Amino acid sequence: MLLSFLLQLIAIAMLALAMHKHFKAVFNLNITPLQVKLLTLLGWPLLCLSYYLAIFSLAAPIATVYWLGLLSLSILFVALVTN
């Protein structure tokens, strides 16, 4: 479950950085369209992989509940770091 959380955190960070506002706040640079596509194309599969790992490690119903709880923590952490 820890690996799932770490992948989830990385994926949410990538998806947040794919947005101009967050990329500018973190790096103080403008994001290129290629970077947006790359971060988005890497972020979504990582998020799906983290969910798969959560279901693989626990039973599906409880893994979904844990995964969604950790998702909210990931979003909160990334929001605090990027703003």
Protein backbone atom coordinates (compact mmCIF):
# COMPACT_ATOMS: atom_id res chain seq x y z
CA MET A 1 0.00 0.00 0.00
CA LEU A 2 2.95 2.32 0.61
CA LEU A 3 4.17 1.90 -2.98
CA SER A 4 0.65 2.64 -4.18
CA PHE A 5 0.61 5.85 -2.13
CA LEU A 6 4.00 6.96 -3.44
CA LEU A 7 2.96 6.36 -7.05
CA GLN A 8 -0.27 8.18 -6.37
CA LEU A 9 1.62 11.15 -4.93
CA ILE A 10 3.93 11.32 -7.95
CA ALA A 11 0.98 11.03 -10.35
CA ILE A 12 -0.97 13.82 -8.64
CA ALA A 13 2.13 16.00 -8.65
CA MET A 14 2.58 15.38 -12.39
CA LEU A 15 -1.05 16.18 -13.11
CA ALA A 16 -0.83 19.36 -11.04
CA LEU A 17 2.37 20.43 -12.77
CA ALA A 18 0.67 19.93 -16.12
CA MET A 19 -1.38 23.01 -15.27
CA HIS A 20 0.19 26.37 -16.16
CA LYS A 21 -0.58 27.95 -12.78
CA HIS A 22 1.14 25.27 -10.71
CA PHE A 23 4.09 24.86 -13.07
CA LYS A 24 4.72 28.61 -12.97
CA ALA A 25 4.48 28.67 -9.16
CA VAL A 26 6.99 25.84 -8.72
CA PHE A 27 9.54 26.51 -11.46
CA ASN A 28 8.86 30.19 -12.30
CA LEU A 29 8.88 29.24 -16.00
CA ASN A 30 6.21 28.93 -18.67
CA ILE A 31 5.20 25.39 -19.52
CA THR A 32 5.43 24.23 -23.12
CA PRO A 33 2.67 22.20 -24.80
CA LEU A 34 5.05 19.24 -25.01
CA GLN A 35 5.62 19.35 -21.27
CA VAL A 36 1.86 19.48 -20.66
CA LYS A 37 1.32 16.40 -22.81
CA LEU A 38 4.23 14.54 -21.25
CA LEU A 39 3.18 15.24 -17.67
CA THR A 40 -0.42 14.34 -18.43
CA LEU A 41 0.48 11.15 -20.31
CA LEU A 42 2.71 10.04 -17.44
CA GLY A 43 0.39 11.14 -14.63
CA TRP A 44 -2.78 9.27 -15.56
CA PRO A 45 -1.19 5.83 -16.10
CA LEU A 46 0.72 6.18 -12.82
CA LEU A 47 -2.53 6.97 -11.04
CA CYS A 48 -4.17 3.90 -12.58
CA LEU A 49 -1.15 1.78 -11.65
CA SER A 50 -1.35 2.96 -8.05
CA TYR A 51 -5.00 1.88 -7.92
CA TYR A 52 -4.12 -1.51 -9.40
CA LEU A 53 -1.39 -1.99 -6.78
CA ALA A 54 -3.84 -1.09 -4.00
CA ILE A 55 -6.36 -3.66 -5.24
CA PHE A 56 -3.59 -6.22 -5.68
CA SER A 57 -2.42 -5.80 -2.08
CA LEU A 58 -5.85 -5.81 -0.39
CA ALA A 59 -9.40 -6.90 -1.15
CA ALA A 60 -11.03 -4.63 -3.74
CA PRO A 61 -13.69 -2.94 -1.55
CA ILE A 62 -11.36 -1.97 1.29
CA ALA A 63 -8.53 -1.15 -1.09
CA THR A 64 -10.80 1.31 -2.89
CA VAL A 65 -11.66 3.02 0.39
CA TYR A 66 -8.00 3.23 1.43
CA TRP A 67 -6.95 4.39 -2.03
CA LEU A 68 -9.53 7.19 -2.09
CA GLY A 69 -8.50 8.27 1.41
CA LEU A 70 -4.86 8.36 0.39
CA LEU A 71 -5.83 10.19 -2.79
CA SER A 72 -7.25 13.02 -0.71
CA LEU A 73 -4.03 13.15 1.32
CA SER A 74 -1.96 13.21 -1.87
CA ILE A 75 -4.01 16.07 -3.27
CA LEU A 76 -3.71 18.00 -0.01
CA PHE A 77 0.06 17.49 0.13
CA VAL A 78 0.58 18.51 -3.50
CA ALA A 79 -1.70 21.54 -3.04
CA LEU A 80 0.32 22.67 -0.03
CA VAL A 81 3.62 22.24 -1.83
CA THR A 82 2.66 23.84 -5.15
CA ASN A 83 0.97 26.93 -3.69
